[in-house]
Amino acid sequence: MTSTAGGLVVHAETITFDTIDRIELRDITDRVAAIARTSGVREGTLSLWSLHTTCAVFINETQKALHADIKRFLETIVARDADWMHNDPAHSDCDRSNADSHLRTMLLGQSVTLQISGGEIVLGQWQRLLLGELDGPRARTLRAQVMGIT
């Protein structure tokens, strides 16, 4: 969906990713960059939001060892088998036993806002956009909105 007024463009898209693991980090930079390019915005911003409470969107490096470290960090800082009230039927109606996934998402965040310059998203040399699946495998939906001038 795209709206224009004068030189201002607002373009929004919903994108879906199918994950294969319970905890998975996926580089989605190229797909998001394509949305910025096709929006027609030359200078502006792109906001990207996860539409899930157990799926994160964040910026970091894409490197196999680092991704292993991120997963290990999340598993260490928020233990899956801890005594979480969200997993206890006496306190919650959730049958997924996924309190750890919710808590891990809080650490990574569910949205990012990027600058667009010259029609391209602005990222540092090693920065990449990552989707953090924390309760998979599942289909995950993200909403991208681009605003700016043509």
C-alpha atoms as a PDB file:
ATOM      1  CA  MET A   1       0.000   0.000   0.000  1.00  0.00           C
ATOM      2  CA  THR A   2       1.404   3.390  -0.971  1.00  0.00           C
ATOM      3  CA  SER A   3       0.067   6.910  -0.397  1.00  0.00           C
ATOM      4  CA  THR A   4       1.551  10.123  -1.738  1.00  0.00           C
ATOM      5  CA  ALA A   5       0.967  13.799  -1.001  1.00  0.00           C
ATOM      6  CA  GLY A   6       3.175  16.344  -2.710  1.00  0.00           C
ATOM      7  CA  GLY A   7       6.639  14.831  -2.485  1.00  0.00           C
ATOM      8  CA  LEU A   8       5.823  12.765   0.612  1.00  0.00           C
ATOM      9  CA  VAL A   9       5.460   9.000   0.207  1.00  0.00           C
ATOM     10  CA  VAL A  10       4.159   6.556   2.793  1.00  0.00           C
ATOM     11  CA  HIS A  11       4.560   2.932   1.729  1.00  0.00           C
ATOM     12  CA  ALA A  12       3.733  -0.120   3.871  1.00  0.00           C
ATOM     13  CA  GLU A  13       4.228  -3.835   3.351  1.00  0.00           C
ATOM     14  CA  THR A  14       3.693  -6.955   5.397  1.00  0.00           C
ATOM     15  CA  ILE A  15       6.302  -9.669   4.941  1.00  0.00           C
ATOM     16  CA  THR A  16       6.298 -13.244   6.194  1.00  0.00           C
ATOM     17  CA  PHE A  17       9.146 -15.594   7.038  1.00  0.00           C
ATOM     18  CA  ASP A  18       8.825 -19.305   7.788  1.00  0.00           C
ATOM     19  CA  THR A  19      11.264 -20.374  10.479  1.00  0.00           C
ATOM     20  CA  ILE A  20      12.574 -23.892  11.006  1.00  0.00           C
ATOM     21  CA  ASP A  21      14.036 -23.887  14.544  1.00  0.00           C
ATOM     22  CA  ARG A  22      12.792 -22.941  18.010  1.00  0.00           C
ATOM     23  CA  ILE A  23      15.558 -20.361  18.299  1.00  0.00           C
ATOM     24  CA  GLU A  24      16.762 -19.027  14.974  1.00  0.00           C
ATOM     25  CA  LEU A  25      18.534 -15.890  13.813  1.00  0.00           C
ATOM     26  CA  ARG A  26      17.928 -14.912  10.212  1.00  0.00           C
ATOM     27  CA  ASP A  27      19.469 -12.103   8.189  1.00  0.00           C
ATOM     28  CA  ILE A  28      16.575 -10.214   6.568  1.00  0.00           C
ATOM     29  CA  THR A  29      18.561  -7.185   5.409  1.00  0.00           C
ATOM     30  CA  ASP A  30      18.258  -7.782   1.674  1.00  0.00           C
ATOM     31  CA  ARG A  31      14.492  -8.276   1.804  1.00  0.00           C
ATOM     32  CA  VAL A  32      13.971  -5.109   3.863  1.00  0.00           C
ATOM     33  CA  ALA A  33      16.376  -3.112   1.682  1.00  0.00           C
ATOM     34  CA  ALA A  34      14.313  -4.128  -1.357  1.00  0.00           C
ATOM     35  CA  ILE A  35      11.206  -2.646   0.270  1.00  0.00           C
ATOM     36  CA  ALA A  36      13.020   0.649   0.780  1.00  0.00           C
ATOM     37  CA  ARG A  37      14.208   0.663  -2.840  1.00  0.00           C
ATOM     38  CA  THR A  38      10.818  -0.108  -4.377  1.00  0.00           C
ATOM     39  CA  SER A  39       9.025   2.453  -2.180  1.00  0.00           C
ATOM     40  CA  GLY A  40      10.422   5.320  -4.229  1.00  0.00           C
ATOM     41  CA  VAL A  41      11.579   7.144  -1.084  1.00  0.00           C
ATOM     42  CA  ARG A  42      14.961   8.820  -1.579  1.00  0.00           C
ATOM     43  CA  GLU A  43      15.316  10.384   1.895  1.00  0.00           C
ATOM     44  CA  GLY A  44      13.306   9.232   4.902  1.00  0.00           C
ATOM     45  CA  THR A  45      12.857   6.432   7.395  1.00  0.00           C
ATOM     46  CA  LEU A  46      11.840   2.794   7.433  1.00  0.00           C
ATOM     47  CA  SER A  47      10.186   1.346  10.535  1.00  0.00           C
ATOM     48  CA  LEU A  48      10.140  -2.416  10.888  1.00  0.00           C
ATOM     49  CA  TRP A  49       7.919  -4.130  13.474  1.00  0.00           C
ATOM     50  CA  SER A  50       7.472  -7.737  14.534  1.00  0.00           C
ATOM     51  CA  LEU A  51       3.779  -8.550  14.889  1.00  0.00           C
ATOM     52  CA  HIS A  52       4.549 -11.225  17.498  1.00  0.00           C
ATOM     53  CA  THR A  53       5.458 -11.251  21.175  1.00  0.00           C
ATOM     54  CA  THR A  54       8.036 -14.031  20.736  1.00  0.00           C
ATOM     55  CA  CYS A  55       9.801 -12.799  17.607  1.00  0.00           C
ATOM     56  CA  ALA A  56      12.439 -10.060  17.704  1.00  0.00           C
ATOM     57  CA  VAL A  57      13.861  -7.663  15.117  1.00  0.00           C
ATOM     58  CA  PHE A  58      17.256  -6.120  15.818  1.00  0.00           C
ATOM     59  CA  ILE A  59      20.548  -4.984  14.325  1.00  0.00           C
ATOM     60  CA  ASN A  60      23.757  -6.942  14.696  1.00  0.00           C
ATOM     61  CA  GLU A  61      26.391  -8.704  12.638  1.00  0.00           C
ATOM     62  CA  THR A  62      25.735 -11.802  10.540  1.00  0.00           C
ATOM     63  CA  GLN A  63      28.472 -14.202  11.522  1.00  0.00           C
ATOM     64  CA  LYS A  64      27.966 -17.871  12.398  1.00  0.00           C
ATOM     65  CA  ALA A  65      30.018 -17.846  15.625  1.00  0.00           C
ATOM     66  CA  LEU A  66      28.369 -14.639  16.835  1.00  0.00           C
ATOM     67  CA  HIS A  67      24.905 -16.066  16.177  1.00  0.00           C
ATOM     68  CA  ALA A  68      25.853 -19.121  18.241  1.00  0.00           C
ATOM     69  CA  ASP A  69      27.025 -16.768  21.006  1.00  0.00           C
ATOM     70  CA  ILE A  70      23.776 -14.763  20.876  1.00  0.00           C
ATOM     71  CA  LYS A  71      21.734 -17.957  21.200  1.00  0.00           C
ATOM     72  CA  ARG A  72      23.925 -19.167  24.073  1.00  0.00           C
ATOM     73  CA  PHE A  73      23.628 -15.777  25.798  1.00  0.00           C
ATOM     74  CA  LEU A  74      19.827 -15.846  25.523  1.00  0.00           C
ATOM     75  CA  GLU A  75      19.641 -19.420  26.797  1.00  0.00           C
ATOM     76  CA  THR A  76      21.951 -18.540  29.714  1.00  0.00           C
ATOM     77  CA  ILE A  77      20.282 -15.289  30.745  1.00  0.00           C
ATOM     78  CA  VAL A  78      16.722 -16.663  30.424  1.00  0.00           C
ATOM     79  CA  ALA A  79      16.576 -20.380  31.174  1.00  0.00           C
ATOM     80  CA  ARG A  80      13.852 -22.257  29.333  1.00  0.00           C
ATOM     81  CA  ASP A  81      13.064 -24.624  32.208  1.00  0.00           C
ATOM     82  CA  ALA A  82      12.971 -22.042  35.016  1.00  0.00           C
ATOM     83  CA  ASP A  83       9.877 -21.828  37.192  1.00  0.00           C
ATOM     84  CA  TRP A  84       8.047 -19.212  35.074  1.00  0.00           C
ATOM     85  CA  MET A  85       4.469 -18.389  36.104  1.00  0.00           C
ATOM     86  CA  HIS A  86       3.463 -18.023  32.431  1.00  0.00           C
ATOM     87  CA  ASN A  87       4.194 -21.757  31.991  1.00  0.00           C
ATOM     88  CA  ASP A  88       2.191 -22.800  35.071  1.00  0.00           C
ATOM     89  CA  PRO A  89      -1.458 -23.747  34.363  1.00  0.00           C
ATOM     90  CA  ALA A  90      -2.349 -22.459  37.834  1.00  0.00           C
ATOM     91  CA  HIS A  91      -1.403 -18.948  36.680  1.00  0.00           C
ATOM     92  CA  SER A  92      -1.723 -18.928  32.891  1.00  0.00           C
ATOM     93  CA  ASP A  93      -3.849 -20.367  30.103  1.00  0.00           C
ATOM     94  CA  CYS A  94      -0.844 -20.575  27.745  1.00  0.00           C
ATOM     95  CA  ASP A  95      -0.151 -24.162  26.691  1.00  0.00           C
ATOM     96  CA  ARG A  96       3.092 -23.436  24.773  1.00  0.00           C
ATOM     97  CA  SER A  97       5.358 -23.184  27.855  1.00  0.00           C
ATOM     98  CA  ASN A  98       7.110 -20.283  26.163  1.00  0.00           C
ATOM     99  CA  ALA A  99       7.726 -17.747  28.932  1.00  0.00           C
ATOM    100  CA  ASP A 100      11.420 -17.815  28.038  1.00  0.00           C
ATOM    101  CA  SER A 101      10.580 -16.767  24.482  1.00  0.00           C
ATOM    102  CA  HIS A 102       8.608 -13.733  25.661  1.00  0.00           C
ATOM    103  CA  LEU A 103      11.379 -12.675  28.036  1.00  0.00           C
ATOM    104  CA  ARG A 104      14.119 -13.136  25.424  1.00  0.00           C
ATOM    105  CA  THR A 105      12.175 -11.001  22.960  1.00  0.00           C
ATOM    106  CA  MET A 106      12.099  -8.202  25.545  1.00  0.00           C
ATOM    107  CA  LEU A 107      15.915  -8.244  25.564  1.00  0.00           C
ATOM    108  CA  LEU A 108      16.309  -8.020  21.771  1.00  0.00           C
ATOM    109  CA  GLY A 109      13.377  -5.755  20.922  1.00  0.00           C
ATOM    110  CA  GLN A 110      10.498  -5.970  18.481  1.00  0.00           C
ATOM    111  CA  SER A 111      11.191  -3.024  16.218  1.00  0.00           C
ATOM    112  CA  VAL A 112      13.875  -0.994  14.495  1.00  0.00           C
ATOM    113  CA  THR A 113      13.811   2.332  12.699  1.00  0.00           C
ATOM    114  CA  LEU A 114      16.315   2.940   9.936  1.00  0.00           C
ATOM    115  CA  GLN A 115      17.289   5.976   7.933  1.00  0.00           C
ATOM    116  CA  ILE A 116      16.972   5.945   4.157  1.00  0.00           C
ATOM    117  CA  SER A 117      19.409   8.021   2.147  1.00  0.00           C
ATOM    118  CA  GLY A 118      19.740   7.967  -1.619  1.00  0.00           C
ATOM    119  CA  GLY A 119      16.989   5.342  -1.741  1.00  0.00           C
ATOM    120  CA  GLU A 120      18.980   2.857   0.393  1.00  0.00           C
ATOM    121  CA  ILE A 121      18.739   1.904   4.063  1.00  0.00           C
ATOM    122  CA  VAL A 122      21.629   3.257   6.122  1.00  0.00           C
ATOM    123  CA  LEU A 123      23.606   0.627   8.025  1.00  0.00           C
ATOM    124  CA  GLY A 124      27.187   0.499   9.268  1.00  0.00           C
ATOM    125  CA  GLN A 125      29.792  -1.722   7.644  1.00  0.00           C
ATOM    126  CA  TRP A 126      28.964  -4.845   9.647  1.00  0.00           C
ATOM    127  CA  GLN A 127      25.369  -4.049  10.601  1.00  0.00           C
ATOM    128  CA  ARG A 128      22.612  -6.322   9.351  1.00  0.00           C
ATOM    129  CA  LEU A 129      18.919  -6.623  10.169  1.00  0.00           C
ATOM    130  CA  LEU A 130      18.128  -9.829  12.013  1.00  0.00           C
ATOM    131  CA  LEU A 131      14.892 -11.621  12.735  1.00  0.00           C
ATOM    132  CA  GLY A 132      15.101 -13.468  16.038  1.00  0.00           C
ATOM    133  CA  GLU A 133      12.761 -16.443  16.143  1.00  0.00           C
ATOM    134  CA  LEU A 134      12.421 -17.369  19.803  1.00  0.00           C
ATOM    135  CA  ASP A 135       9.440 -19.763  19.794  1.00  0.00           C
ATOM    136  CA  GLY A 136       9.524 -21.572  16.471  1.00  0.00           C
ATOM    137  CA  PRO A 137       9.206 -23.056  14.090  1.00  0.00           C
ATOM    138  CA  ARG A 138       6.409 -20.794  12.882  1.00  0.00           C
ATOM    139  CA  ALA A 139       5.368 -18.347  10.207  1.00  0.00           C
ATOM    140  CA  ARG A 140       6.417 -14.858  11.324  1.00  0.00           C
ATOM    141  CA  THR A 141       4.985 -11.595  10.066  1.00  0.00           C
ATOM    142  CA  LEU A 142       6.746  -8.246  10.017  1.00  0.00           C
ATOM    143  CA  ARG A 143       5.318  -4.881   9.039  1.00  0.00           C
ATOM    144  CA  ALA A 144       7.521  -2.375   7.229  1.00  0.00           C
ATOM    145  CA  GLN A 145       6.532   1.254   6.760  1.00  0.00           C
ATOM    146  CA  VAL A 146       8.616   3.646   4.684  1.00  0.00           C
ATOM    147  CA  MET A 147       8.063   7.406   4.932  1.00  0.00           C
ATOM    148  CA  GLY A 148       9.930  10.133   3.170  1.00  0.00           C
ATOM    149  CA  ILE A 149      10.380  12.217   0.076  1.00  0.00           C
ATOM    150  CA  THR A 150      10.910  11.123  -3.488  1.00  0.00           C
END
